[in-house]
Each structure stands twice: as structure tokens, then as C-alpha cells.
């Protein structure tokens, strides 16, 4: 074989090797590009999910805390008005107008609380029944002792404690999970809080 043929053969081998290397480089580059695109897509998707979760948690938290503070205020208002109504009704120096005015405020507060609570939850049903019992007792023409009212208000206070503590726990769980809890999860929280407080729903 002549030198020229050797050079041609070497050049041919070198060209084939270069072509093969170029092909391999193109394949590796395309694979790396696809992996980079998938990585970028996954990063964007996780960032979106995280931002969405944060927005949901922030909105839920803000709304629930505002609602819970409003509910707490209405609980205090009902308890105070019930006691004031009792003392106004039993005070011989009070006018009928003052007693009637107190009753309207008391009934309005009771209705406001009823609308703030979920009527499907057992504790909400129980507290609404007790509110009505207070109203009925206060409107009763027969005299009654303040201890009867006190006993009813104590039961109401216990139910209020369950609601406030359970709803605060619910807020913390929704923050942790990044979503609104389903009814079964909420019921479980109420039962756990009731058990811890040793109170009946």
C-alpha cells in the first residue's frame, strides 16, 4: 500500500471518527437540553404550587382570624347583654323601654352569632339551643333566681370555649396543610378539643 493510500485511509478514518464524535456531541447536547427544559419546567411548576399554597394559606388565615375575632366579640356581647337584661328586668327603677331595648340587642346578637356559625356542626346546634333557652328564661314572666341564668351561661361559656379553641386549632392545621380542612377533619378537631377541655358538645 502506497503512502498516499495510507494517508487517504487515515484521513477517511479521521473523518469517520470526527463525524461519529459530532453525532455523539449532538445527541448529548439534545439530551442535556431536554433535561434542562424538564428541570426548568419542574422548577416553575413547584414555584407556582408554592406561591399558590402561600396565597391560599394567607387568605384562609386572614379571613378565619378576622371571623374568629368577630365571633369572640359577639360571644362576649351576648353574655354581657344577657346579664344586663336580667338585672334591668329585675330592677324596679328601670323603664320598660330600657328592658325592651336590651332585649332587642340581645336577640340581634344571638342571630348574628347563629349566622356566623356553621349550622351543620353539633356544637353550633348546641350553643344555638342554649342561646334560645337563655332568651326564653329571660322572657319568662315567672320569677327565677339568677343562679338559673348563671348555670345556662356557664354551659354557653363552655361551648364558646370549645368553638374558639377548635377554630384556632383549625386555623393552625390549615396553615400547616396549605388547604381548607374537610368536614371530617373539622369534626375531629372539635371532638379532640372537647375531650381535652373535658366538656360535652
N, C-alpha and C. Protein backbone atom coordinates (compact mmCIF):
# COMPACT_ATOMS: atom_id res chain seq x y z
N UNK A 1 0.86 -1.18 0.00
CA UNK A 1 0.00 0.00 0.00
C UNK A 1 0.89 1.22 0.00
N UNK A 2 0.63 2.14 -0.89
CA UNK A 2 1.45 3.34 -1.01
C UNK A 2 1.15 4.31 0.11
N UNK A 3 2.08 5.24 0.29
CA UNK A 3 1.94 6.26 1.34
C UNK A 3 0.68 7.09 1.13
N UNK A 4 0.39 7.30 -0.14
CA UNK A 4 -0.77 8.14 -0.44
C UNK A 4 -2.05 7.42 0.01
N UNK A 5 -2.11 6.13 -0.22
CA UNK A 5 -3.28 5.36 0.19
C UNK A 5 -3.39 5.31 1.71
N UNK A 6 -2.20 5.22 2.36
CA UNK A 6 -2.20 5.21 3.83
C UNK A 6 -2.76 6.52 4.36
N UNK A 7 -2.35 7.63 3.73
CA UNK A 7 -2.84 8.94 4.17
C UNK A 7 -4.35 9.08 3.93
N UNK A 8 -4.77 8.56 2.78
CA UNK A 8 -6.19 8.63 2.45
C UNK A 8 -7.01 7.77 3.43
N UNK A 9 -6.45 6.59 3.74
CA UNK A 9 -7.13 5.70 4.68
C UNK A 9 -7.19 6.35 6.06
N UNK A 10 -6.09 6.97 6.48
CA UNK A 10 -6.04 7.66 7.78
C UNK A 10 -7.01 8.84 7.79
N UNK A 11 -7.06 9.58 6.70
CA UNK A 11 -7.97 10.72 6.61
C UNK A 11 -9.42 10.24 6.67
N UNK A 12 -9.68 9.12 5.98
CA UNK A 12 -11.02 8.57 5.97
C UNK A 12 -11.44 8.14 7.37
N UNK A 13 -10.53 7.49 8.11
CA UNK A 13 -10.80 7.06 9.49
C UNK A 13 -11.01 8.28 10.38
N UNK A 14 -10.15 9.29 10.19
CA UNK A 14 -10.26 10.52 10.99
C UNK A 14 -11.59 11.21 10.71
N UNK A 15 -12.03 11.25 9.47
CA UNK A 15 -13.29 11.89 9.10
C UNK A 15 -14.47 11.12 9.71
N UNK A 16 -14.41 9.79 9.64
CA UNK A 16 -15.48 8.99 10.22
C UNK A 16 -15.56 9.17 11.74
N UNK A 17 -14.36 9.22 12.36
CA UNK A 17 -14.32 9.43 13.82
C UNK A 17 -14.88 10.82 14.17
N UNK A 18 -14.49 11.83 13.42
CA UNK A 18 -14.98 13.20 13.66
C UNK A 18 -16.50 13.25 13.49
N UNK A 19 -17.00 12.58 12.43
CA UNK A 19 -18.44 12.57 12.18
C UNK A 19 -19.17 11.85 13.32
N UNK A 20 -18.59 10.74 13.77
CA UNK A 20 -19.17 9.99 14.87
C UNK A 20 -19.17 10.82 16.15
N UNK A 21 -18.06 11.51 16.42
CA UNK A 21 -17.96 12.38 17.61
C UNK A 21 -18.95 13.54 17.54
N UNK A 22 -19.11 14.10 16.35
CA UNK A 22 -20.05 15.20 16.16
C UNK A 22 -21.48 14.72 16.42
N UNK A 23 -21.79 13.53 15.91
CA UNK A 23 -23.12 12.95 16.12
C UNK A 23 -23.37 12.70 17.62
N UNK A 24 -22.36 12.15 18.28
CA UNK A 24 -22.46 11.88 19.72
C UNK A 24 -22.62 13.19 20.49
N UNK A 25 -21.85 14.21 20.12
CA UNK A 25 -21.95 15.51 20.78
C UNK A 25 -23.35 16.11 20.58
N UNK A 26 -23.92 15.95 19.38
CA UNK A 26 -25.27 16.47 19.11
C UNK A 26 -26.31 15.74 19.97
N UNK A 27 -26.18 14.42 20.08
CA UNK A 27 -27.12 13.64 20.88
C UNK A 27 -27.04 14.04 22.34
N UNK A 28 -25.79 14.14 22.86
CA UNK A 28 -25.59 14.54 24.27
C UNK A 28 -26.13 15.94 24.50
N UNK A 29 -25.90 16.86 23.58
CA UNK A 29 -26.38 18.23 23.71
C UNK A 29 -27.91 18.26 23.74
N UNK A 30 -28.55 17.46 22.87
CA UNK A 30 -30.01 17.43 22.83
C UNK A 30 -30.57 16.83 24.12
N UNK A 31 -29.93 15.78 24.62
CA UNK A 31 -30.38 15.17 25.88
C UNK A 31 -30.24 16.18 27.02
N UNK A 32 -29.11 16.87 27.08
CA UNK A 32 -28.89 17.88 28.13
C UNK A 32 -29.91 19.01 28.03
N UNK A 33 -30.23 19.41 26.80
CA UNK A 33 -31.22 20.47 26.60
C UNK A 33 -32.60 20.03 27.09
N UNK A 34 -32.97 18.79 26.76
CA UNK A 34 -34.27 18.26 27.20
C UNK A 34 -34.31 18.19 28.72
N UNK A 35 -33.21 17.69 29.33
CA UNK A 35 -33.16 17.62 30.80
C UNK A 35 -33.25 19.01 31.42
N UNK A 36 -32.55 19.98 30.83
CA UNK A 36 -32.60 21.35 31.34
C UNK A 36 -34.02 21.93 31.23
N UNK A 37 -34.69 21.64 30.10
CA UNK A 37 -36.06 22.12 29.93
C UNK A 37 -37.00 21.48 30.96
N UNK A 38 -36.83 20.18 31.16
CA UNK A 38 -37.66 19.49 32.17
C UNK A 38 -37.38 20.08 33.55
N UNK A 39 -36.11 20.29 33.87
CA UNK A 39 -35.74 20.88 35.16
C UNK A 39 -36.33 22.27 35.34
N UNK A 40 -36.25 23.08 34.29
CA UNK A 40 -36.82 24.43 34.35
C UNK A 40 -38.34 24.37 34.52
N UNK A 41 -38.97 23.44 33.77
CA UNK A 41 -40.43 23.28 33.89
C UNK A 41 -40.84 22.84 35.28
N UNK A 42 -40.10 21.86 35.84
CA UNK A 42 -40.41 21.40 37.20
C UNK A 42 -40.20 22.50 38.23
N UNK A 43 -39.12 23.26 38.07
CA UNK A 43 -38.85 24.37 38.99
C UNK A 43 -39.98 25.40 38.93
N UNK A 44 -40.41 25.72 37.72
CA UNK A 44 -41.50 26.69 37.56
C UNK A 44 -42.80 26.14 38.17
N UNK A 45 -43.06 24.84 37.96
CA UNK A 45 -44.27 24.22 38.50
C UNK A 45 -44.26 24.23 40.02
N UNK A 46 -43.11 23.85 40.62
CA UNK A 46 -43.00 23.86 42.09
C UNK A 46 -43.11 25.28 42.64
N UNK A 47 -42.54 26.24 41.94
CA UNK A 47 -42.64 27.65 42.38
C UNK A 47 -44.09 28.11 42.34
N UNK A 48 -44.81 27.71 41.27
CA UNK A 48 -46.22 28.07 41.14
C UNK A 48 -47.03 27.44 42.28
N UNK A 49 -46.81 26.13 42.51
CA UNK A 49 -47.55 25.44 43.57
C UNK A 49 -47.27 26.07 44.93
N UNK A 50 -46.01 26.41 45.16
CA UNK A 50 -45.64 27.03 46.44
C UNK A 50 -46.30 28.40 46.60
N UNK A 51 -46.28 29.19 45.52
CA UNK A 51 -46.90 30.53 45.57
C UNK A 51 -48.41 30.40 45.76
N UNK A 52 -49.03 29.43 45.08
CA UNK A 52 -50.47 29.20 45.21
C UNK A 52 -50.81 28.79 46.64
N UNK A 53 -50.02 27.86 47.18
CA UNK A 53 -50.25 27.39 48.55
C UNK A 53 -50.13 28.54 49.54
N UNK A 54 -49.09 29.36 49.35
CA UNK A 54 -48.89 30.51 50.23
C UNK A 54 -50.06 31.48 50.15
N UNK A 55 -50.55 31.73 48.93
CA UNK A 55 -51.67 32.65 48.75
C UNK A 55 -52.93 32.10 49.42
N UNK A 56 -53.18 30.79 49.25
CA UNK A 56 -54.35 30.15 49.87
C UNK A 56 -54.25 30.24 51.39
N UNK A 57 -53.08 29.90 51.91
CA UNK A 57 -52.88 29.93 53.37
C UNK A 57 -53.05 31.35 53.91
N UNK A 58 -52.47 32.32 53.23
CA UNK A 58 -52.58 33.72 53.68
C UNK A 58 -54.03 34.18 53.69
N UNK A 59 -54.76 33.86 52.62
CA UNK A 59 -56.16 34.27 52.52
C UNK A 59 -57.00 33.58 53.58
N UNK A 60 -56.84 32.25 53.69
CA UNK A 60 -57.59 31.50 54.70
C UNK A 60 -57.31 32.02 56.10
N UNK A 61 -56.04 32.21 56.38
CA UNK A 61 -55.64 32.64 57.72
C UNK A 61 -56.23 34.01 58.04
N UNK A 62 -56.09 34.94 57.13
CA UNK A 62 -56.59 36.29 57.37
C UNK A 62 -58.11 36.28 57.59
N UNK A 63 -58.83 35.57 56.71
CA UNK A 63 -60.29 35.55 56.82
C UNK A 63 -60.75 34.83 58.08
N UNK A 64 -60.10 33.71 58.39
CA UNK A 64 -60.51 32.94 59.58
C UNK A 64 -60.21 33.71 60.87
N UNK A 65 -59.06 34.36 60.94
CA UNK A 65 -58.73 35.12 62.15
C UNK A 65 -59.71 36.28 62.33
N UNK A 66 -60.02 36.95 61.23
CA UNK A 66 -61.00 38.06 61.29
C UNK A 66 -62.36 37.54 61.76
N UNK A 67 -62.79 36.40 61.19
CA UNK A 67 -64.07 35.79 61.56
C UNK A 67 -64.05 35.36 63.03
N UNK A 68 -62.94 34.75 63.47
CA UNK A 68 -62.85 34.26 64.85
C UNK A 68 -62.89 35.42 65.85
N UNK A 69 -62.20 36.51 65.53
CA UNK A 69 -62.23 37.68 66.42
C UNK A 69 -63.62 38.30 66.48
N UNK A 70 -64.30 38.33 65.34
CA UNK A 70 -65.67 38.84 65.30
C UNK A 70 -66.59 37.95 66.14
N UNK A 71 -66.42 36.64 66.01
CA UNK A 71 -67.23 35.69 66.78
C UNK A 71 -66.97 35.85 68.28
N UNK A 72 -65.70 35.96 68.66
CA UNK A 72 -65.34 36.15 70.07
C UNK A 72 -66.02 37.40 70.63
N UNK A 73 -65.99 38.47 69.86
CA UNK A 73 -66.63 39.71 70.29
C UNK A 73 -68.13 39.55 70.48
N UNK A 74 -68.77 38.80 69.58
CA UNK A 74 -70.21 38.57 69.68
C UNK A 74 -70.54 37.68 70.87
N UNK A 75 -69.67 36.72 71.18
CA UNK A 75 -69.88 35.88 72.37
C UNK A 75 -69.87 36.75 73.63
N UNK A 76 -68.88 37.61 73.72
CA UNK A 76 -68.78 38.50 74.89
C UNK A 76 -70.02 39.39 74.97
N UNK A 77 -70.43 39.89 73.83
CA UNK A 77 -71.60 40.79 73.78
C UNK A 77 -72.85 40.05 74.25
N UNK A 78 -73.07 38.83 73.80
CA UNK A 78 -74.26 38.08 74.21
C UNK A 78 -74.25 37.85 75.72
N UNK A 79 -73.12 37.36 76.24
CA UNK A 79 -73.03 37.07 77.68
C UNK A 79 -73.30 38.32 78.51
N UNK A 80 -72.73 39.44 78.09
CA UNK A 80 -72.90 40.70 78.82
C UNK A 80 -74.35 41.17 78.75
N UNK A 81 -74.94 41.13 77.55
CA UNK A 81 -76.32 41.60 77.38
C UNK A 81 -77.31 40.74 78.15
N UNK A 82 -77.07 39.43 78.19
CA UNK A 82 -77.97 38.55 78.93
C UNK A 82 -77.98 38.91 80.41
N UNK A 83 -76.80 39.14 80.96
CA UNK A 83 -76.70 39.52 82.37
C UNK A 83 -77.33 40.90 82.62
N UNK A 84 -77.04 41.85 81.74
CA UNK A 84 -77.61 43.19 81.87
C UNK A 84 -79.14 43.15 81.76
N UNK A 85 -79.63 42.35 80.82
CA UNK A 85 -81.08 42.25 80.65
C UNK A 85 -81.73 41.71 81.93
N UNK A 86 -81.12 40.69 82.51
CA UNK A 86 -81.66 40.12 83.75
C UNK A 86 -81.73 41.19 84.85
N UNK A 87 -80.63 41.92 85.04
CA UNK A 87 -80.61 42.93 86.12
C UNK A 87 -81.51 44.12 85.80
N UNK A 88 -81.60 44.50 84.53
CA UNK A 88 -82.51 45.59 84.16
C UNK A 88 -83.97 45.18 84.37
N UNK A 89 -84.29 43.95 84.00
CA UNK A 89 -85.65 43.46 84.15
C UNK A 89 -86.06 43.39 85.62
N UNK A 90 -85.12 43.05 86.48
CA UNK A 90 -85.40 42.88 87.90
C UNK A 90 -85.10 44.13 88.73
N UNK A 91 -84.79 45.22 88.06
CA UNK A 91 -84.55 46.49 88.75
C UNK A 91 -85.82 47.33 88.68
N UNK A 92 -86.42 47.65 89.81
CA UNK A 92 -87.68 48.39 89.79
C UNK A 92 -87.54 49.81 89.22
N UNK A 93 -86.34 50.33 89.14
CA UNK A 93 -86.14 51.70 88.65
C UNK A 93 -85.97 51.76 87.13
N UNK A 94 -85.91 50.61 86.47
CA UNK A 94 -85.74 50.60 85.01
C UNK A 94 -87.08 50.80 84.32
N UNK A 95 -87.03 51.49 83.19
CA UNK A 95 -88.25 51.68 82.41
C UNK A 95 -88.43 50.48 81.46
N UNK A 96 -89.64 50.30 81.00
CA UNK A 96 -89.93 49.21 80.05
C UNK A 96 -89.11 49.40 78.78
N UNK A 97 -88.92 50.65 78.37
CA UNK A 97 -88.17 50.94 77.14
C UNK A 97 -86.75 50.39 77.25
N UNK A 98 -86.08 50.63 78.39
CA UNK A 98 -84.70 50.17 78.57
C UNK A 98 -84.62 48.64 78.48
N UNK A 99 -85.56 47.95 79.09
CA UNK A 99 -85.58 46.48 79.06
C UNK A 99 -85.82 46.00 77.63
N UNK A 100 -86.77 46.64 76.96
CA UNK A 100 -87.08 46.25 75.58
C UNK A 100 -85.88 46.48 74.66
N UNK A 101 -85.19 47.59 74.86
CA UNK A 101 -84.00 47.92 74.08
C UNK A 101 -82.91 46.87 74.29
N UNK A 102 -82.69 46.48 75.54
CA UNK A 102 -81.69 45.46 75.88
C UNK A 102 -82.05 44.12 75.21
N UNK A 103 -83.35 43.79 75.25
CA UNK A 103 -83.77 42.53 74.64
C UNK A 103 -83.50 42.54 73.14
N UNK A 104 -83.79 43.64 72.47
CA UNK A 104 -83.54 43.72 71.03
C UNK A 104 -82.06 43.53 70.71
N UNK A 105 -81.21 44.15 71.51
CA UNK A 105 -79.76 43.98 71.31
C UNK A 105 -79.34 42.53 71.55
N UNK A 106 -79.91 41.92 72.59
CA UNK A 106 -79.59 40.53 72.92
C UNK A 106 -80.03 39.60 71.78
N UNK A 107 -81.24 39.77 71.28
CA UNK A 107 -81.75 38.94 70.20
C UNK A 107 -80.96 39.14 68.91
N UNK A 108 -80.60 40.37 68.64
CA UNK A 108 -79.79 40.69 67.45
C UNK A 108 -78.43 40.00 67.53
N UNK A 109 -77.81 40.04 68.70
CA UNK A 109 -76.51 39.41 68.89
C UNK A 109 -76.62 37.89 68.73
N UNK A 110 -77.67 37.32 69.30
CA UNK A 110 -77.91 35.86 69.17
C UNK A 110 -78.01 35.48 67.69
N UNK A 111 -78.78 36.26 66.92
CA UNK A 111 -78.94 35.98 65.50
C UNK A 111 -77.63 36.16 64.73
N UNK A 112 -76.87 37.15 65.11
CA UNK A 112 -75.57 37.39 64.46
C UNK A 112 -74.65 36.18 64.68
N UNK A 113 -74.60 35.69 65.90
CA UNK A 113 -73.77 34.51 66.21
C UNK A 113 -74.25 33.30 65.42
N UNK A 114 -75.56 33.11 65.38
CA UNK A 114 -76.13 31.97 64.65
C UNK A 114 -75.70 32.00 63.19
N UNK A 115 -75.67 33.19 62.60
CA UNK A 115 -75.27 33.31 61.20
C UNK A 115 -73.76 33.14 61.00
N UNK A 116 -72.99 33.42 62.02
CA UNK A 116 -71.54 33.24 61.92
C UNK A 116 -71.12 31.76 62.02
N UNK A 117 -71.95 30.96 62.68
CA UNK A 117 -71.60 29.55 62.90
C UNK A 117 -72.14 28.65 61.80
N UNK A 118 -71.49 27.50 61.64
CA UNK A 118 -71.94 26.51 60.67
C UNK A 118 -73.05 25.68 61.31
N UNK A 119 -74.28 25.77 60.80
CA UNK A 119 -75.41 25.09 61.45
C UNK A 119 -75.31 23.56 61.41
N UNK A 120 -74.41 23.01 60.59
CA UNK A 120 -74.27 21.55 60.48
C UNK A 120 -73.41 20.98 61.60
N UNK A 121 -72.61 21.83 62.26
CA UNK A 121 -71.73 21.33 63.31
C UNK A 121 -72.51 21.16 64.62
N UNK A 122 -72.34 20.03 65.28
CA UNK A 122 -73.10 19.75 66.52
C UNK A 122 -72.93 20.83 67.59
N UNK A 123 -71.72 21.35 67.74
CA UNK A 123 -71.51 22.36 68.79
C UNK A 123 -72.27 23.64 68.46
N UNK A 124 -72.40 23.97 67.18
CA UNK A 124 -73.17 25.15 66.78
C UNK A 124 -74.64 24.95 67.09
N UNK A 125 -75.14 23.74 66.83
CA UNK A 125 -76.54 23.43 67.16
C UNK A 125 -76.77 23.55 68.66
N UNK A 126 -75.84 22.99 69.44
CA UNK A 126 -75.98 23.02 70.91
C UNK A 126 -75.99 24.45 71.45
N UNK A 127 -75.06 25.27 70.96
CA UNK A 127 -74.98 26.63 71.51
C UNK A 127 -76.20 27.46 71.09
N UNK A 128 -76.72 27.22 69.88
CA UNK A 128 -77.92 27.95 69.46
C UNK A 128 -79.13 27.57 70.30
N UNK A 129 -79.21 26.29 70.67
CA UNK A 129 -80.30 25.84 71.56
C UNK A 129 -80.17 26.53 72.92
N UNK A 130 -78.95 26.61 73.44
CA UNK A 130 -78.72 27.24 74.76
C UNK A 130 -79.00 28.74 74.71
N UNK A 131 -78.66 29.38 73.60
CA UNK A 131 -78.97 30.81 73.45
C UNK A 131 -80.48 31.01 73.54
N UNK A 132 -81.22 30.14 72.87
CA UNK A 132 -82.68 30.28 72.88
C UNK A 132 -83.23 30.01 74.28
N UNK A 133 -82.62 29.08 75.00
CA UNK A 133 -83.04 28.81 76.38
C UNK A 133 -82.84 30.05 77.26
N UNK A 134 -81.73 30.76 77.04
CA UNK A 134 -81.48 32.00 77.80
C UNK A 134 -82.57 33.02 77.48
N UNK A 135 -82.85 33.18 76.20
CA UNK A 135 -83.90 34.14 75.77
C UNK A 135 -85.23 33.77 76.42
N UNK A 136 -85.60 32.49 76.35
CA UNK A 136 -86.87 32.04 76.93
C UNK A 136 -86.91 32.28 78.43
N UNK A 137 -85.81 32.01 79.11
CA UNK A 137 -85.75 32.22 80.56
C UNK A 137 -85.92 33.70 80.88
N UNK A 138 -85.24 34.55 80.12
CA UNK A 138 -85.31 35.99 80.39
C UNK A 138 -86.70 36.56 80.11
N UNK A 139 -87.40 35.97 79.15
CA UNK A 139 -88.74 36.47 78.82
C UNK A 139 -89.83 35.86 79.70
N UNK A 140 -89.46 34.86 80.48
CA UNK A 140 -90.44 34.19 81.35
C UNK A 140 -91.00 35.19 82.36
N UNK A 141 -92.33 35.21 82.47
CA UNK A 141 -92.99 36.12 83.41
C UNK A 141 -92.81 35.66 84.86
N UNK A 142 -92.59 34.37 85.04
CA UNK A 142 -92.39 33.85 86.39
C UNK A 142 -91.00 34.23 86.89
N UNK A 143 -90.92 34.60 88.15
CA UNK A 143 -89.61 34.97 88.68
C UNK A 143 -88.69 33.74 88.73
N UNK A 144 -87.40 33.99 88.52
CA UNK A 144 -86.40 32.92 88.62
C UNK A 144 -85.15 33.49 89.27
N UNK A 145 -84.35 32.61 89.80
CA UNK A 145 -83.15 33.03 90.50
C UNK A 145 -82.01 33.23 89.50
N UNK A 146 -81.13 34.16 89.83
CA UNK A 146 -80.00 34.45 88.94
C UNK A 146 -79.11 33.22 88.73
N UNK A 147 -79.15 32.26 89.66
CA UNK A 147 -78.32 31.07 89.52
C UNK A 147 -78.77 30.22 88.33
N UNK A 148 -80.07 30.28 87.98
CA UNK A 148 -80.55 29.56 86.80
C UNK A 148 -79.91 30.14 85.53
N UNK A 149 -79.90 31.46 85.47
CA UNK A 149 -79.26 32.13 84.34
C UNK A 149 -77.76 31.85 84.35
N UNK A 150 -77.16 31.90 85.54
CA UNK A 150 -75.73 31.64 85.67
C UNK A 150 -75.35 30.25 85.18
N UNK A 151 -76.20 29.25 85.50
CA UNK A 151 -75.92 27.87 85.08
C UNK A 151 -75.98 27.75 83.55
N UNK A 152 -76.98 28.40 82.96
CA UNK A 152 -77.10 28.38 81.49
C UNK A 152 -75.92 29.09 80.83
N UNK A 153 -75.53 30.23 81.39
CA UNK A 153 -74.40 30.98 80.82
C UNK A 153 -73.09 30.21 80.98
N UNK A 154 -72.98 29.40 82.02
CA UNK A 154 -71.78 28.57 82.19
C UNK A 154 -71.71 27.51 81.10
N UNK A 155 -72.83 26.88 80.79
CA UNK A 155 -72.86 25.90 79.69
C UNK A 155 -72.50 26.59 78.38
N UNK A 156 -73.06 27.78 78.16
CA UNK A 156 -72.76 28.54 76.94
C UNK A 156 -71.28 28.90 76.89
N UNK A 157 -70.72 29.31 78.01
CA UNK A 157 -69.30 29.65 78.07
C UNK A 157 -68.44 28.44 77.68
N UNK A 158 -68.81 27.25 78.19
CA UNK A 158 -68.07 26.04 77.84
C UNK A 158 -68.13 25.76 76.33
N UNK A 159 -69.31 25.91 75.76
CA UNK A 159 -69.46 25.70 74.31
C UNK A 159 -68.67 26.75 73.53
N UNK A 160 -68.68 27.98 74.03
CA UNK A 160 -67.90 29.04 73.38
C UNK A 160 -66.41 28.71 73.41
N UNK A 161 -65.93 28.18 74.54
CA UNK A 161 -64.52 27.80 74.65
C UNK A 161 -64.17 26.71 73.64
N UNK A 162 -65.05 25.73 73.49
CA UNK A 162 -64.81 24.66 72.52
C UNK A 162 -64.70 25.25 71.11
N UNK A 163 -65.65 26.11 70.77
CA UNK A 163 -65.66 26.70 69.42
C UNK A 163 -64.39 27.52 69.18
N UNK A 164 -64.05 28.40 70.11
CA UNK A 164 -62.89 29.27 69.91
C UNK A 164 -61.59 28.49 69.83
N UNK A 165 -61.41 27.52 70.72
CA UNK A 165 -60.17 26.73 70.72
C UNK A 165 -60.10 25.83 69.49
N UNK A 166 -61.23 25.21 69.11
CA UNK A 166 -61.25 24.33 67.94
C UNK A 166 -60.98 25.13 66.66
N UNK A 167 -61.57 26.30 66.56
CA UNK A 167 -61.36 27.11 65.35
C UNK A 167 -59.93 27.62 65.27
N UNK A 168 -59.32 27.93 66.42
CA UNK A 168 -57.92 28.36 66.40
C UNK A 168 -57.04 27.19 65.96
N UNK A 169 -57.35 25.98 66.44
CA UNK A 169 -56.60 24.77 66.03
C UNK A 169 -56.81 24.53 64.54
N UNK A 170 -58.02 24.75 64.07
CA UNK A 170 -58.33 24.60 62.65
C UNK A 170 -57.47 25.54 61.80
N UNK A 171 -57.33 26.78 62.24
CA UNK A 171 -56.50 27.75 61.52
C UNK A 171 -55.07 27.23 61.42
N UNK A 172 -54.54 26.74 62.55
CA UNK A 172 -53.16 26.24 62.56
C UNK A 172 -52.99 25.04 61.63
N UNK A 173 -53.99 24.15 61.61
CA UNK A 173 -53.92 22.97 60.73
C UNK A 173 -54.00 23.37 59.25
N UNK A 174 -54.84 24.36 58.94
CA UNK A 174 -54.95 24.81 57.55
C UNK A 174 -53.67 25.48 57.10
N UNK A 175 -53.00 26.19 58.00
CA UNK A 175 -51.70 26.79 57.66
C UNK A 175 -50.69 25.67 57.38
N UNK A 176 -50.68 24.67 58.26
CA UNK A 176 -49.73 23.58 58.10
C UNK A 176 -49.97 22.79 56.81
N UNK A 177 -51.25 22.52 56.49
CA UNK A 177 -51.57 21.69 55.32
C UNK A 177 -51.69 22.51 54.04
N UNK A 178 -51.85 23.82 54.18
CA UNK A 178 -51.95 24.67 53.00
C UNK A 178 -53.25 24.52 52.23
N UNK A 179 -54.30 24.13 52.93
CA UNK A 179 -55.61 23.96 52.29
C UNK A 179 -56.69 24.05 53.35
N UNK A 180 -57.92 24.18 52.86
CA UNK A 180 -59.07 24.19 53.76
C UNK A 180 -59.36 22.76 54.22
N UNK A 181 -59.65 22.59 55.50
CA UNK A 181 -59.92 21.25 56.02
C UNK A 181 -61.31 20.78 55.60
N UNK A 182 -61.44 19.47 55.43
CA UNK A 182 -62.74 18.93 55.07
C UNK A 182 -63.58 18.74 56.35
N UNK A 183 -64.90 18.54 56.22
CA UNK A 183 -65.78 18.45 57.40
C UNK A 183 -65.38 17.38 58.42
N UNK A 184 -64.88 16.24 57.95
CA UNK A 184 -64.46 15.19 58.88
C UNK A 184 -63.28 15.63 59.72
N UNK A 185 -62.33 16.33 59.09
CA UNK A 185 -61.16 16.82 59.82
C UNK A 185 -61.58 17.87 60.86
N UNK A 186 -62.54 18.72 60.48
CA UNK A 186 -63.03 19.75 61.41
C UNK A 186 -63.75 19.09 62.59
N UNK A 187 -64.57 18.08 62.31
CA UNK A 187 -65.28 17.37 63.39
C UNK A 187 -64.30 16.72 64.36
N UNK A 188 -63.23 16.16 63.81
CA UNK A 188 -62.22 15.52 64.66
C UNK A 188 -61.55 16.55 65.57
N UNK A 189 -61.28 17.73 65.04
CA UNK A 189 -60.67 18.80 65.86
C UNK A 189 -61.62 19.17 66.99
N UNK A 190 -62.91 19.33 66.68
CA UNK A 190 -63.89 19.70 67.71
C UNK A 190 -63.96 18.63 68.81
N UNK A 191 -63.95 17.36 68.39
CA UNK A 191 -64.02 16.27 69.37
C UNK A 191 -62.76 16.26 70.25
N UNK A 192 -61.60 16.45 69.64
CA UNK A 192 -60.34 16.47 70.40
C UNK A 192 -60.31 17.61 71.41
N UNK A 193 -60.74 18.80 70.97
CA UNK A 193 -60.76 19.96 71.87
C UNK A 193 -61.74 19.72 73.01
N UNK A 194 -62.91 19.18 72.68
CA UNK A 194 -63.92 18.88 73.70
C UNK A 194 -63.37 17.89 74.72
N UNK A 195 -62.68 16.85 74.24
CA UNK A 195 -62.08 15.86 75.15
C UNK A 195 -61.02 16.48 76.05
N UNK A 196 -60.17 17.34 75.45
CA UNK A 196 -59.11 17.99 76.24
C UNK A 196 -59.68 18.91 77.31
N UNK A 197 -60.75 19.62 76.96
CA UNK A 197 -61.38 20.53 77.91
C UNK A 197 -62.33 19.79 78.87
N UNK A 198 -62.52 18.49 78.59
CA UNK A 198 -63.43 17.65 79.38
C UNK A 198 -64.84 18.25 79.39
N UNK A 199 -65.27 18.73 78.22
CA UNK A 199 -66.60 19.32 78.07
C UNK A 199 -67.38 18.54 77.04
N UNK A 200 -68.69 18.53 77.19
CA UNK A 200 -69.55 17.84 76.25
C UNK A 200 -70.03 18.80 75.17
N UNK A 201 -70.13 18.28 73.95
CA UNK A 201 -70.65 19.09 72.83
C UNK A 201 -72.16 18.92 72.82
